[in-house]
C-alpha atoms as a PDB file:
ATOM      1  CA  MET A   1      27.950   0.706  43.721  1.00  0.00           C
ATOM      2  CA  ASN A   2      24.893  -0.091  45.653  1.00  0.00           C
ATOM      3  CA  GLN A   3      23.150   3.282  44.227  1.00  0.00           C
ATOM      4  CA  VAL A   4      24.733   2.507  40.443  1.00  0.00           C
ATOM      5  CA  LEU A   5      22.634  -0.553  40.959  1.00  0.00           C
ATOM      6  CA  GLU A   6      19.511   0.772  42.120  1.00  0.00           C
ATOM      7  CA  ASN A   7      19.331   3.633  39.635  1.00  0.00           C
ATOM      8  CA  GLN A   8      19.696   1.128  36.690  1.00  0.00           C
ATOM      9  CA  ALA A   9      17.210  -0.910  38.778  1.00  0.00           C
ATOM     10  CA  SER A  10      14.813   2.021  38.618  1.00  0.00           C
ATOM     11  CA  PRO A  11      12.272   2.218  35.448  1.00  0.00           C
ATOM     12  CA  GLN A  12      12.537   5.704  33.454  1.00  0.00           C
ATOM     13  CA  PRO A  13       9.213   7.220  32.970  1.00  0.00           C
ATOM     14  CA  ARG A  14       9.227   6.487  28.967  1.00  0.00           C
ATOM     15  CA  ASP A  15       9.712   3.131  30.567  1.00  0.00           C
ATOM     16  CA  LEU A  16       6.469   3.202  32.722  1.00  0.00           C
ATOM     17  CA  ILE A  17       4.172   4.666  30.209  1.00  0.00           C
ATOM     18  CA  LYS A  18       5.142   1.982  27.488  1.00  0.00           C
ATOM     19  CA  ALA A  19       4.165  -0.710  29.787  1.00  0.00           C
ATOM     20  CA  ALA A  20       1.200   1.343  31.261  1.00  0.00           C
ATOM     21  CA  THR A  21      -0.088   1.716  27.711  1.00  0.00           C
ATOM     22  CA  SER A  22       0.887  -1.269  25.585  1.00  0.00           C
ATOM     23  CA  GLU A  23      -2.446  -2.822  25.138  1.00  0.00           C
ATOM     24  CA  HIS A  24      -3.804   0.391  23.639  1.00  0.00           C
ATOM     25  CA  HIS A  25      -0.815   0.422  21.678  1.00  0.00           C
ATOM     26  CA  LYS A  26      -1.138  -3.143  20.263  1.00  0.00           C
ATOM     27  CA  LYS A  27      -4.870  -2.244  19.931  1.00  0.00           C
ATOM     28  CA  LEU A  28      -4.678   0.377  17.413  1.00  0.00           C
ATOM     29  CA  ASP A  29      -1.616  -1.056  15.627  1.00  0.00           C
ATOM     30  CA  ALA A  30      -3.989  -4.297  15.021  1.00  0.00           C
ATOM     31  CA  MET A  31      -6.603  -2.129  13.554  1.00  0.00           C
ATOM     32  CA  LEU A  32      -4.320  -0.457  11.565  1.00  0.00           C
ATOM     33  CA  SER A  33      -2.354  -3.179  10.280  1.00  0.00           C
ATOM     34  CA  THR A  34      -5.552  -4.087   7.986  1.00  0.00           C
ATOM     35  CA  LEU A  35      -4.984  -1.402   5.673  1.00  0.00           C
ATOM     36  CA  ASN A  36      -2.615  -2.035   2.387  1.00  0.00           C
ATOM     37  CA  LEU A  37      -0.832   1.451   2.556  1.00  0.00           C
ATOM     38  CA  ARG A  38      -0.182   0.534  -1.588  1.00  0.00           C
ATOM     39  CA  ASP A  39      -3.935   0.419  -2.210  1.00  0.00           C
ATOM     40  CA  PRO A  40      -5.632   3.124  -2.880  1.00  0.00           C
ATOM     41  CA  PRO A  41      -8.567   3.291  -0.865  1.00  0.00           C
ATOM     42  CA  ASP A  42      -6.720   2.138   2.000  1.00  0.00           C
ATOM     43  CA  TYR A  43      -4.309   4.537   1.863  1.00  0.00           C
ATOM     44  CA  ILE A  44      -6.407   6.963   1.948  1.00  0.00           C
ATOM     45  CA  THR A  45      -8.411   5.546   4.805  1.00  0.00           C
ATOM     46  CA  PHE A  46      -5.183   6.109   6.917  1.00  0.00           C
ATOM     47  CA  LEU A  47      -4.736   9.176   6.688  1.00  0.00           C
ATOM     48  CA  LYS A  48      -8.529  10.139   7.478  1.00  0.00           C
ATOM     49  CA  VAL A  49      -7.640   8.407  10.793  1.00  0.00           C
ATOM     50  CA  ASN A  50      -4.741  10.568  11.230  1.00  0.00           C
ATOM     51  CA  THR A  51      -6.318  13.513  10.031  1.00  0.00           C
ATOM     52  CA  SER A  52      -9.951  12.946  12.387  1.00  0.00           C
ATOM     53  CA  VAL A  53      -7.559  13.157  15.199  1.00  0.00           C
ATOM     54  CA  LEU A  54      -4.448  15.573  14.645  1.00  0.00           C
ATOM     55  CA  ALA A  55      -5.725  19.017  13.776  1.00  0.00           C
ATOM     56  CA  ASN A  56      -7.853  19.099  17.057  1.00  0.00           C
ATOM     57  CA  LEU A  57      -5.164  17.285  18.809  1.00  0.00           C
ATOM     58  CA  GLU A  58      -2.323  19.570  17.881  1.00  0.00           C
ATOM     59  CA  ALA A  59      -4.517  22.137  19.215  1.00  0.00           C
ATOM     60  CA  ALA A  60      -4.903  21.164  22.093  1.00  0.00           C
ATOM     61  CA  VAL A  61      -1.581  19.944  22.833  1.00  0.00           C
ATOM     62  CA  GLU A  62       0.005  23.645  21.850  1.00  0.00           C
ATOM     63  CA  LEU A  63      -2.754  25.440  23.840  1.00  0.00           C
ATOM     64  CA  ALA A  64      -1.625  23.381  26.936  1.00  0.00           C
ATOM     65  CA  SER A  65       2.205  23.882  26.543  1.00  0.00           C
ATOM     66  CA  THR A  66       3.242  26.955  28.486  1.00  0.00           C
ATOM     67  CA  SER A  67       6.258  29.296  27.030  1.00  0.00           C
ATOM     68  CA  GLY A  68       9.038  27.457  28.773  1.00  0.00           C
ATOM     69  CA  PHE A  69       8.196  23.409  27.760  1.00  0.00           C
ATOM     70  CA  GLY A  70      10.515  21.459  26.676  1.00  0.00           C
ATOM     71  CA  TRP A  71       9.549  20.270  23.346  1.00  0.00           C
ATOM     72  CA  ASN A  72       7.660  21.846  20.066  1.00  0.00           C
ATOM     73  CA  LEU A  73       5.335  20.041  18.658  1.00  0.00           C
ATOM     74  CA  VAL A  74       6.018  19.308  14.723  1.00  0.00           C
ATOM     75  CA  ARG A  75       2.660  19.614  13.197  1.00  0.00           C
ATOM     76  CA  ARG A  76       1.472  17.331  10.780  1.00  0.00           C
ATOM     77  CA  SER A  77      -2.657  17.476  10.572  1.00  0.00           C
ATOM     78  CA  ASP A  78      -2.048  20.375   7.335  1.00  0.00           C
ATOM     79  CA  LEU A  79       0.366  17.664   5.450  1.00  0.00           C
ATOM     80  CA  ALA A  80      -2.033  14.884   6.023  1.00  0.00           C
ATOM     81  CA  GLN A  81      -5.014  17.140   4.779  1.00  0.00           C
ATOM     82  CA  ARG A  82      -3.082  18.359   1.705  1.00  0.00           C
ATOM     83  CA  ASP A  83      -1.951  14.651   0.783  1.00  0.00           C
ATOM     84  CA  LEU A  84      -6.112  13.851   0.656  1.00  0.00           C
ATOM     85  CA  GLU A  85      -6.469  17.167  -1.433  1.00  0.00           C
ATOM     86  CA  LEU A  86      -4.102  15.956  -3.937  1.00  0.00           C
ATOM     87  CA  MET A  87      -5.675  12.325  -4.243  1.00  0.00           C
ATOM     88  CA  ASP A  88      -8.835  14.142  -4.897  1.00  0.00           C
ATOM     89  CA  THR A  89     -10.757  13.228  -1.764  1.00  0.00           C
ATOM     90  CA  SER A  90     -12.742  14.832   0.641  1.00  0.00           C
ATOM     91  CA  GLN A  91     -11.830  16.091   4.216  1.00  0.00           C
ATOM     92  CA  PRO A  92     -13.087  13.527   7.488  1.00  0.00           C
ATOM     93  CA  PHE A  93     -14.832  14.805   9.846  1.00  0.00           C
ATOM     94  CA  LEU A  94     -12.694  16.138  13.336  1.00  0.00           C
ATOM     95  CA  LEU A  95     -12.775  14.485  16.420  1.00  0.00           C
ATOM     96  CA  PRO A  96     -13.633  16.970  19.116  1.00  0.00           C
ATOM     97  CA  VAL A  97     -10.610  16.600  21.776  1.00  0.00           C
ATOM     98  CA  GLN A  98     -10.873  17.770  25.574  1.00  0.00           C
ATOM     99  CA  PRO A  99      -8.428  20.037  26.827  1.00  0.00           C
ATOM    100  CA  PHE A 100      -5.387  18.791  28.126  1.00  0.00           C
ATOM    101  CA  ASP A 101      -3.723  19.533  31.794  1.00  0.00           C
ATOM    102  CA  GLU A 102      -0.124  20.634  30.945  1.00  0.00           C
ATOM    103  CA  GLY A 103       1.113  17.492  32.919  1.00  0.00           C
ATOM    104  CA  GLU A 104      -0.521  15.745  30.262  1.00  0.00           C
ATOM    105  CA  VAL A 105       0.898  16.939  27.335  1.00  0.00           C
ATOM    106  CA  TRP A 106       4.236  14.432  27.755  1.00  0.00           C
ATOM    107  CA  GLY A 107       1.719  11.565  27.142  1.00  0.00           C
ATOM    108  CA  ALA A 108       0.449  12.990  24.082  1.00  0.00           C
ATOM    109  CA  LEU A 109       3.674  13.901  22.832  1.00  0.00           C
ATOM    110  CA  TYR A 110       4.892  10.254  23.557  1.00  0.00           C
ATOM    111  CA  VAL A 111       2.223   8.634  21.461  1.00  0.00           C
ATOM    112  CA  LEU A 112       2.673  11.201  18.175  1.00  0.00           C
ATOM    113  CA  GLU A 113       5.998  11.473  18.574  1.00  0.00           C
ATOM    114  CA  GLY A 114       6.296   7.605  18.880  1.00  0.00           C
ATOM    115  CA  SER A 115       3.592   7.792  15.710  1.00  0.00           C
ATOM    116  CA  ARG A 116       6.305  10.124  13.474  1.00  0.00           C
ATOM    117  CA  LEU A 117       8.769   7.305  14.526  1.00  0.00           C
ATOM    118  CA  GLY A 118       6.113   4.460  13.167  1.00  0.00           C
ATOM    119  CA  SER A 119       5.693   6.996   9.707  1.00  0.00           C
ATOM    120  CA  ARG A 120       9.403   6.467   8.891  1.00  0.00           C
ATOM    121  CA  LEU A 121       9.179   2.666   9.067  1.00  0.00           C
ATOM    122  CA  MET A 122       5.846   2.904   7.073  1.00  0.00           C
ATOM    123  CA  LEU A 123       6.951   5.369   4.595  1.00  0.00           C
ATOM    124  CA  GLN A 124      10.278   2.583   3.925  1.00  0.00           C
ATOM    125  CA  SER A 125       7.331  -0.045   3.325  1.00  0.00           C
ATOM    126  CA  LEU A 126       5.616   2.555   1.132  1.00  0.00           C
ATOM    127  CA  LEU A 127       8.677   3.102  -1.130  1.00  0.00           C
ATOM    128  CA  GLN A 128      10.197  -0.483  -1.054  1.00  0.00           C
ATOM    129  CA  GLY A 129      10.107  -2.171  -4.616  1.00  0.00           C
ATOM    130  CA  VAL A 130       8.949   0.838  -6.510  1.00  0.00           C
ATOM    131  CA  GLY A 131      12.357   2.233  -6.941  1.00  0.00           C
ATOM    132  CA  GLY A 132      12.142   4.935  -3.995  1.00  0.00           C
ATOM    133  CA  ALA A 133       9.354   7.218  -5.980  1.00  0.00           C
ATOM    134  CA  PRO A 134       6.322   7.704  -3.678  1.00  0.00           C
ATOM    135  CA  VAL A 135       3.293   5.977  -5.284  1.00  0.00           C
ATOM    136  CA  PHE A 136       1.137   8.326  -3.938  1.00  0.00           C
ATOM    137  CA  PRO A 137       1.720  11.822  -1.823  1.00  0.00           C
ATOM    138  CA  CYS A 138       3.389  11.339   0.901  1.00  0.00           C
ATOM    139  CA  HIS A 139       3.497  14.873   2.422  1.00  0.00           C
ATOM    140  CA  PHE A 140       2.491  13.003   5.882  1.00  0.00           C
ATOM    141  CA  LEU A 141       4.907  10.491   6.120  1.00  0.00           C
ATOM    142  CA  GLN A 142       7.706  12.231   5.405  1.00  0.00           C
ATOM    143  CA  ALA A 143       7.401  14.621   8.661  1.00  0.00           C
ATOM    144  CA  SER A 144       8.484  11.236  10.361  1.00  0.00           C
ATOM    145  CA  ALA A 145      11.099  10.749  13.127  1.00  0.00           C
ATOM    146  CA  ASP A 146      14.423   9.100  12.624  1.00  0.00           C
ATOM    147  CA  ILE A 147      15.815   7.162  16.303  1.00  0.00           C
ATOM    148  CA  SER A 148      17.963  10.185  16.680  1.00  0.00           C
ATOM    149  CA  LYS A 149      15.028  12.572  17.451  1.00  0.00           C
ATOM    150  CA  TRP A 150      13.152   9.811  19.170  1.00  0.00           C
ATOM    151  CA  LYS A 151      16.230   9.540  21.873  1.00  0.00           C
ATOM    152  CA  ALA A 152      16.021  13.431  22.226  1.00  0.00           C
ATOM    153  CA  PHE A 153      12.187  13.528  22.811  1.00  0.00           C
ATOM    154  CA  VAL A 154      12.698  10.572  24.963  1.00  0.00           C
ATOM    155  CA  GLN A 155      15.817  12.242  27.075  1.00  0.00           C
ATOM    156  CA  GLU A 156      13.572  15.072  27.795  1.00  0.00           C
ATOM    157  CA  LEU A 157      10.312  13.081  28.493  1.00  0.00           C
ATOM    158  CA  ASN A 158      12.665  11.632  31.093  1.00  0.00           C
ATOM    159  CA  CYS A 159      14.080  15.212  32.434  1.00  0.00           C
ATOM    160  CA  ALA A 160      10.647  16.448  32.609  1.00  0.00           C
ATOM    161  CA  VAL A 161       8.477  13.552  34.215  1.00  0.00           C
ATOM    162  CA  GLN A 162       9.563  12.341  37.671  1.00  0.00           C
ATOM    163  CA  THR A 163       7.349  12.626  40.168  1.00  0.00           C
ATOM    164  CA  PRO A 164       4.407  10.049  40.573  1.00  0.00           C
ATOM    165  CA  SER A 165       1.933  12.523  39.720  1.00  0.00           C
ATOM    166  CA  GLN A 166       3.750  13.562  37.028  1.00  0.00           C
ATOM    167  CA  VAL A 167       4.051   9.728  35.521  1.00  0.00           C
ATOM    168  CA  ALA A 168       0.475   9.692  36.324  1.00  0.00           C
ATOM    169  CA  GLN A 169      -0.667  13.210  34.613  1.00  0.00           C
ATOM    170  CA  ALA A 170       1.437  11.765  31.624  1.00  0.00           C
ATOM    171  CA  LEU A 171       0.346   8.157  31.569  1.00  0.00           C
ATOM    172  CA  SER A 172      -3.679  10.086  31.692  1.00  0.00           C
ATOM    173  CA  GLY A 173      -2.507  12.233  28.214  1.00  0.00           C
ATOM    174  CA  ALA A 174      -1.036   9.064  26.666  1.00  0.00           C
ATOM    175  CA  ILE A 175      -4.079   7.402  26.863  1.00  0.00           C
ATOM    176  CA  LYS A 176      -6.616   9.780  25.920  1.00  0.00           C
ATOM    177  CA  THR A 177      -4.438   9.958  23.183  1.00  0.00           C
ATOM    178  CA  PHE A 178      -4.230   6.514  22.285  1.00  0.00           C
ATOM    179  CA  LYS A 179      -8.395   6.019  22.603  1.00  0.00           C
ATOM    180  CA  LEU A 180      -8.602   9.199  20.309  1.00  0.00           C
ATOM    181  CA  PHE A 181      -6.608   7.357  17.455  1.00  0.00           C
ATOM    182  CA  THR A 182      -8.465   3.928  18.356  1.00  0.00           C
ATOM    183  CA  LEU A 183     -11.925   5.314  17.868  1.00  0.00           C
ATOM    184  CA  SER A 184     -10.631   7.387  14.755  1.00  0.00           C
ATOM    185  CA  ALA A 185      -9.852   4.099  13.643  1.00  0.00           C
ATOM    186  CA  GLN A 186     -13.333   2.252  14.219  1.00  0.00           C
ATOM    187  CA  LEU A 187     -14.921   4.652  12.694  1.00  0.00           C
ATOM    188  CA  HIS A 188     -13.508   4.744   9.416  1.00  0.00           C
ATOM    189  CA  LEU A 189     -12.653   1.445   9.698  1.00  0.00           C
ATOM    190  CA  THR A 190     -16.209  -0.128  10.008  1.00  0.00           C
ATOM    191  CA  ARG A 191     -17.403   1.849   7.376  1.00  0.00           C
ATOM    192  CA  ILE A 192     -16.760  -0.974   4.881  1.00  0.00           C
ATOM    193  CA  PRO A 193     -17.175  -4.846   6.014  1.00  0.00           C
ATOM    194  CA  ARG A 194     -14.120  -6.437   6.345  1.00  0.00           C
ATOM    195  CA  GLU A 195     -14.722 -10.264   6.110  1.00  0.00           C
ATOM    196  CA  ASP A 196     -12.949 -10.486   2.891  1.00  0.00           C
ATOM    197  CA  ALA A 197      -9.834  -8.540   2.902  1.00  0.00           C
ATOM    198  CA  LYS A 198      -9.697  -9.340  -0.893  1.00  0.00           C
ATOM    199  CA  LEU A 199     -12.957  -8.176  -1.377  1.00  0.00           C
ATOM    200  CA  VAL A 200     -12.397  -5.143   0.703  1.00  0.00           C
ATOM    201  CA  ASN A 201      -8.755  -3.903  -1.049  1.00  0.00           C
ATOM    202  CA  ASP A 202     -10.638  -4.010  -4.732  1.00  0.00           C
ATOM    203  CA  PRO A 203     -11.489  -0.559  -5.280  1.00  0.00           C
ATOM    204  CA  VAL A 204     -13.860  -1.817  -7.950  1.00  0.00           C
ATOM    205  CA  LYS A 205     -15.794  -4.417  -5.566  1.00  0.00           C
ATOM    206  CA  GLN A 206     -15.964  -1.700  -2.862  1.00  0.00           C
ATOM    207  CA  LYS A 207     -18.129   0.389  -5.446  1.00  0.00           C
ATOM    208  CA  THR A 208     -20.110  -2.265  -5.626  1.00  0.00           C
ATOM    209  CA  LEU A 209     -20.517  -2.890  -2.620  1.00  0.00           C
ATOM    210  CA  ASN A 210     -21.300   1.012  -2.025  1.00  0.00           C
ATOM    211  CA  THR A 211     -23.871   0.728  -4.757  1.00  0.00           C
ATOM    212  CA  GLU A 212     -25.780  -2.459  -3.594  1.00  0.00           C
ATOM    213  CA  ALA A 213     -26.484  -0.417  -0.719  1.00  0.00           C
ATOM    214  CA  LEU A 214     -28.842   1.779  -1.964  1.00  0.00           C
ATOM    215  CA  THR A 215     -30.448   1.961  -5.366  1.00  0.00           C
ATOM    216  CA  PRO A 216     -32.676   4.817  -5.905  1.00  0.00           C
ATOM    217  CA  ASP A 217     -34.650   5.410  -9.050  1.00  0.00           C
ATOM    218  CA  HIS A 218     -32.621   8.254  -9.509  1.00  0.00           C
ATOM    219  CA  GLY A 219     -29.129   9.256  -8.773  1.00  0.00           C
ATOM    220  CA  LEU A 220     -28.244  12.250  -7.017  1.00  0.00           C
ATOM    221  CA  THR A 221     -25.081  13.357  -8.595  1.00  0.00           C
ATOM    222  CA  GLY A 222     -22.660  16.090  -7.706  1.00  0.00           C
ATOM    223  CA  HIS A 223     -20.972  17.393  -4.547  1.00  0.00           C
ATOM    224  CA  GLY A 224     -22.594  16.926  -1.554  1.00  0.00           C
ATOM    225  CA  LEU A 225     -22.462  18.759   2.087  1.00  0.00           C
ATOM    226  CA  LEU A 226     -23.637  16.451   5.082  1.00  0.00           C
ATOM    227  CA  VAL A 227     -23.523  18.221   8.220  1.00  0.00           C
ATOM    228  CA  GLU A 228     -24.144  15.885  11.319  1.00  0.00           C
ATOM    229  CA  ASP A 229     -22.800  16.078  14.542  1.00  0.00           C
ATOM    230  CA  ASN A 230     -23.302  11.736  15.535  1.00  0.00           C
ATOM    231  CA  PHE A 231     -19.867  10.378  13.483  1.00  0.00           C
ATOM    232  CA  VAL A 232     -21.198   7.186  13.137  1.00  0.00           C
ATOM    233  CA  ILE A 233     -25.167   7.909  10.911  1.00  0.00           C
ATOM    234  CA  MET A 234     -22.303  10.698   9.131  1.00  0.00           C
ATOM    235  CA  MET A 235     -20.540   8.022   7.911  1.00  0.00           C
ATOM    236  CA  ASP A 236     -23.557   5.782   7.338  1.00  0.00           C
ATOM    237  CA  LEU A 237     -25.350   7.989   5.114  1.00  0.00           C
ATOM    238  CA  GLU A 238     -21.765   9.113   3.289  1.00  0.00           C
ATOM    239  CA  ASP A 239     -21.539   5.730   2.423  1.00  0.00           C
ATOM    240  CA  MET A 240     -25.015   5.698   0.952  1.00  0.00           C
ATOM    241  CA  LEU A 241     -24.823   8.717  -0.824  1.00  0.00           C
ATOM    242  CA  LEU A 242     -21.112   8.026  -2.418  1.00  0.00           C
ATOM    243  CA  GLY A 243     -22.970   4.583  -3.419  1.00  0.00           C
ATOM    244  CA  ALA A 244     -26.639   6.345  -4.861  1.00  0.00           C
ATOM    245  CA  GLY A 245     -23.950   7.799  -7.202  1.00  0.00           C
ATOM    246  CA  ALA A 246     -22.960  11.226  -5.429  1.00  0.00           C
ATOM    247  CA  ASP A 247     -19.462  11.768  -6.870  1.00  0.00           C
ATOM    248  CA  LYS A 248     -18.244  13.576  -3.105  1.00  0.00           C
ATOM    249  CA  ILE A 249     -19.573  14.441   0.315  1.00  0.00           C
ATOM    250  CA  ASP A 250     -17.896  16.837   2.508  1.00  0.00           C
ATOM    251  CA  GLN A 251     -18.528  16.377   6.403  1.00  0.00           C
ATOM    252  CA  ALA A 252     -19.368  19.022   8.632  1.00  0.00           C
ATOM    253  CA  ILE A 253     -20.120  18.798  12.424  1.00  0.00           C
ATOM    254  CA  ASN A 254     -21.302  22.319  13.254  1.00  0.00           C
ATOM    255  CA  THR A 255     -22.462  25.092  11.711  1.00  0.00           C
ATOM    256  CA  ARG A 256     -19.063  26.617  12.190  1.00  0.00           C
ATOM    257  CA  GLN A 257     -17.161  23.905  10.071  1.00  0.00           C
ATOM    258  CA  ALA A 258     -20.008  23.924   7.314  1.00  0.00           C
ATOM    259  CA  MET A 259     -19.855  27.552   6.840  1.00  0.00           C
ATOM    260  CA  LYS A 260     -16.215  26.608   6.363  1.00  0.00           C
ATOM    261  CA  LEU A 261     -16.594  24.842   4.034  1.00  0.00           C
ATOM    262  CA  LEU A 262     -18.885  26.847   2.124  1.00  0.00           C
ATOM    263  CA  ASP A 263     -16.588  29.531   1.685  1.00  0.00           C
ATOM    264  CA  GLU A 264     -14.235  26.893  -0.081  1.00  0.00           C
ATOM    265  CA  ASN A 265     -16.563  25.338  -1.840  1.00  0.00           C
ATOM    266  CA  THR A 266     -19.703  24.938  -4.253  1.00  0.00           C
ATOM    267  CA  TYR A 267     -22.142  21.999  -3.409  1.00  0.00           C
ATOM    268  CA  ASP A 268     -24.556  20.473  -5.607  1.00  0.00           C
ATOM    269  CA  PHE A 269     -26.694  18.982  -2.814  1.00  0.00           C
ATOM    270  CA  ALA A 270     -26.940  19.204   1.756  1.00  0.00           C
ATOM    271  CA  ILE A 271     -28.290  17.305   4.062  1.00  0.00           C
ATOM    272  CA  LEU A 272     -28.140  19.130   6.996  1.00  0.00           C
ATOM    273  CA  ASP A 273     -28.822  17.344  10.754  1.00  0.00           C
ATOM    274  CA  TYR A 274     -31.188  20.119  12.714  1.00  0.00           C
ATOM    275  CA  ASN A 275     -30.069  19.947  16.331  1.00  0.00           C
ATOM    276  CA  LEU A 276     -26.006  20.434  16.411  1.00  0.00           C
ATOM    277  CA  GLY A 277     -25.934  19.992  20.023  1.00  0.00           C
ATOM    278  CA  SER A 278     -26.111  23.330  21.493  1.00  0.00           C
ATOM    279  CA  GLU A 279     -27.058  24.691  18.067  1.00  0.00           C
ATOM    280  CA  THR A 280     -28.860  24.099  15.020  1.00  0.00           C
ATOM    281  CA  SER A 281     -28.493  23.984  11.436  1.00  0.00           C
ATOM    282  CA  ILE A 282     -30.971  27.063  10.259  1.00  0.00           C
ATOM    283  CA  ASP A 283     -28.296  29.411   9.582  1.00  0.00           C
ATOM    284  CA  ILE A 284     -26.929  26.696   7.182  1.00  0.00           C
ATOM    285  CA  ALA A 285     -29.533  26.422   5.447  1.00  0.00           C
ATOM    286  CA  ARG A 286     -30.355  30.489   4.921  1.00  0.00           C
ATOM    287  CA  ARG A 287     -26.888  30.300   3.288  1.00  0.00           C
ATOM    288  CA  LEU A 288     -28.000  27.217   1.362  1.00  0.00           C
ATOM    289  CA  LYS A 289     -31.538  28.535   0.284  1.00  0.00           C
ATOM    290  CA  ALA A 290     -29.554  31.998  -0.657  1.00  0.00           C
ATOM    291  CA  GLU A 291     -27.035  29.890  -2.967  1.00  0.00           C
ATOM    292  CA  ASN A 292     -29.930  28.053  -4.439  1.00  0.00           C
ATOM    293  CA  VAL A 293     -28.012  24.857  -3.309  1.00  0.00           C
ATOM    294  CA  LEU A 294     -30.822  21.864  -2.908  1.00  0.00           C
ATOM    295  CA  PHE A 295     -30.653  20.894   0.534  1.00  0.00           C
ATOM    296  CA  ALA A 296     -33.086  18.501   3.302  1.00  0.00           C
ATOM    297  CA  PHE A 297     -33.241  18.800   7.163  1.00  0.00           C
ATOM    298  CA  ALA A 298     -32.556  15.352   8.880  1.00  0.00           C
ATOM    299  CA  THR A 299     -33.867  15.084  12.301  1.00  0.00           C
ATOM    300  CA  GLY A 300     -35.801  13.277  14.900  1.00  0.00           C
ATOM    301  CA  TYR A 301     -39.150  15.206  14.704  1.00  0.00           C
ATOM    302  CA  GLY A 302     -40.442  14.393  11.448  1.00  0.00           C
ATOM    303  CA  ASP A 303     -43.213  16.037   9.832  1.00  0.00           C
ATOM    304  CA  ALA A 304     -43.786  18.004  13.695  1.00  0.00           C
ATOM    305  CA  LEU A 305     -40.150  20.123  12.812  1.00  0.00           C
ATOM    306  CA  GLU A 306     -40.947  23.691  13.690  1.00  0.00           C
ATOM    307  CA  LEU A 307     -39.184  26.337  11.044  1.00  0.00           C
ATOM    308  CA  PRO A 308     -38.992  29.741  11.053  1.00  0.00           C
ATOM    309  CA  PRO A 309     -41.297  31.380   8.359  1.00  0.00           C
ATOM    310  CA  ASP A 310     -38.576  31.863   5.961  1.00  0.00           C
ATOM    311  CA  MET A 311     -37.983  27.972   5.792  1.00  0.00           C
ATOM    312  CA  GLN A 312     -41.285  26.915   3.438  1.00  0.00           C
ATOM    313  CA  SER A 313     -41.537  23.886   2.118  1.00  0.00           C
ATOM    314  CA  PRO A 314     -37.937  22.255   3.189  1.00  0.00           C
ATOM    315  CA  LEU A 315     -37.313  18.435   2.180  1.00  0.00           C
ATOM    316  CA  ILE A 316     -37.370  16.526   5.496  1.00  0.00           C
ATOM    317  CA  PHE A 317     -35.535  13.176   6.051  1.00  0.00           C
ATOM    318  CA  SER A 318     -36.472  11.573   9.591  1.00  0.00           C
ATOM    319  CA  LYS A 319     -34.180   9.795  11.980  1.00  0.00           C
ATOM    320  CA  PRO A 320     -33.923   7.032  12.493  1.00  0.00           C
ATOM    321  CA  PHE A 321     -33.513   6.083   8.903  1.00  0.00           C
ATOM    322  CA  SER A 322     -33.313   3.090   7.080  1.00  0.00           C
ATOM    323  CA  LYS A 323     -32.190   2.750   3.134  1.00  0.00           C
ATOM    324  CA  SER A 324     -35.687   2.867   1.879  1.00  0.00           C
ATOM    325  CA  SER A 325     -36.754   6.036   3.856  1.00  0.00           C
ATOM    326  CA  LEU A 326     -32.968   7.570   2.424  1.00  0.00           C
ATOM    327  CA  SER A 327     -33.753   6.393  -1.184  1.00  0.00           C
ATOM    328  CA  ARG A 328     -36.867   8.015  -1.112  1.00  0.00           C
ATOM    329  CA  LEU A 329     -35.067  11.178  -0.085  1.00  0.00           C
ATOM    330  CA  ILE A 330     -32.886  10.804  -2.909  1.00  0.00           C
ATOM    331  CA  ASN A 331     -35.516  10.316  -5.571  1.00  0.00           C
ATOM    332  CA  GLU A 332     -36.887  13.970  -4.312  1.00  0.00           C
ATOM    333  CA  MET A 333     -34.311  15.709  -3.669  1.00  0.00           C
ATOM    334  CA  ALA A 334     -33.123  14.251  -7.481  1.00  0.00           C
ATOM    335  CA  GLU A 335     -36.985  15.328  -9.057  1.00  0.00           C
ATOM    336  CA  LYS A 336     -36.276  18.729  -7.143  1.00  0.00           C
ATOM    337  CA  SER A 337     -33.125  19.569  -8.904  1.00  0.00           C
ATOM    338  CA  ARG A 338     -34.329  18.642 -12.523  1.00  0.00           C
ATOM    339  CA  ASN A 339     -37.392  20.647 -12.011  1.00  0.00           C
ATOM    340  CA  SER A 340     -35.299  23.545 -10.934  1.00  0.00           C
ATOM    341  CA  THR A 341     -33.133  23.545 -14.198  1.00  0.00           C
END
């Protein structure tokens, strides 16, 4: 009898992780609760918050999982990307994810499987009052988990995570994962001021806000490529370019991502951060030049930037930038584009 009571009093690993991550969970939920999923801009933001994390996170989880690992990850990054494509909007940047230890994987899966369970409730809310027919592409939300799958996962978690060190590792993985989603939410949600919820949720007024942020003399239209390894700068530049008349902006944080986008798209212009961590954007610039795509370098070196001989007289955008300096760059790029046609 005493043994039964002792077992009942002992918290399960899932309960320990839930209690230790409750503040992280509340913070993320509070941020995402500002989104109205029936509103197209907010729904797109929701998808981008998830897409920015999931691709690299899922890859890191799979890499750390051994062949005998006790749970199969349900990948959803491709589904979120597909929904964004169907809504004719650009794919967001992908946040880098540090490798997980195998013990941390259970914590990451705790967040991911919990998210799938939450997606089921979000899908029900989205369909409520519309006759059961999805208003927007819902492949991501439809890959949700019902309560029986969640219970099966919790059972596997409790069996696999037993010792204090295993609990600590799982907790570390859960906190890492919550912080990734929180960072993504912060970056995406701070793009548009949300002091006035009605203003933010009105797509017409959103466009007005963006347009008022930057009013160059001559618009730069078309499909643009932005290569920048600082996420905050990237998002500020994207907002300004869209507000100045660009139809669509794709984003990359390194040469590999940029080259993949160039394989898949045709661009009218590009802005390249010259220094991309351990590499430069010269190879991207050479390809853009070969494809006759108008581009400019963004750099802290300004006119003192030393470029290879084959990069003659490029447009230079000096950091730190301002609205007026970006406005001048857009005017120069628009003028150069007109002269080349």
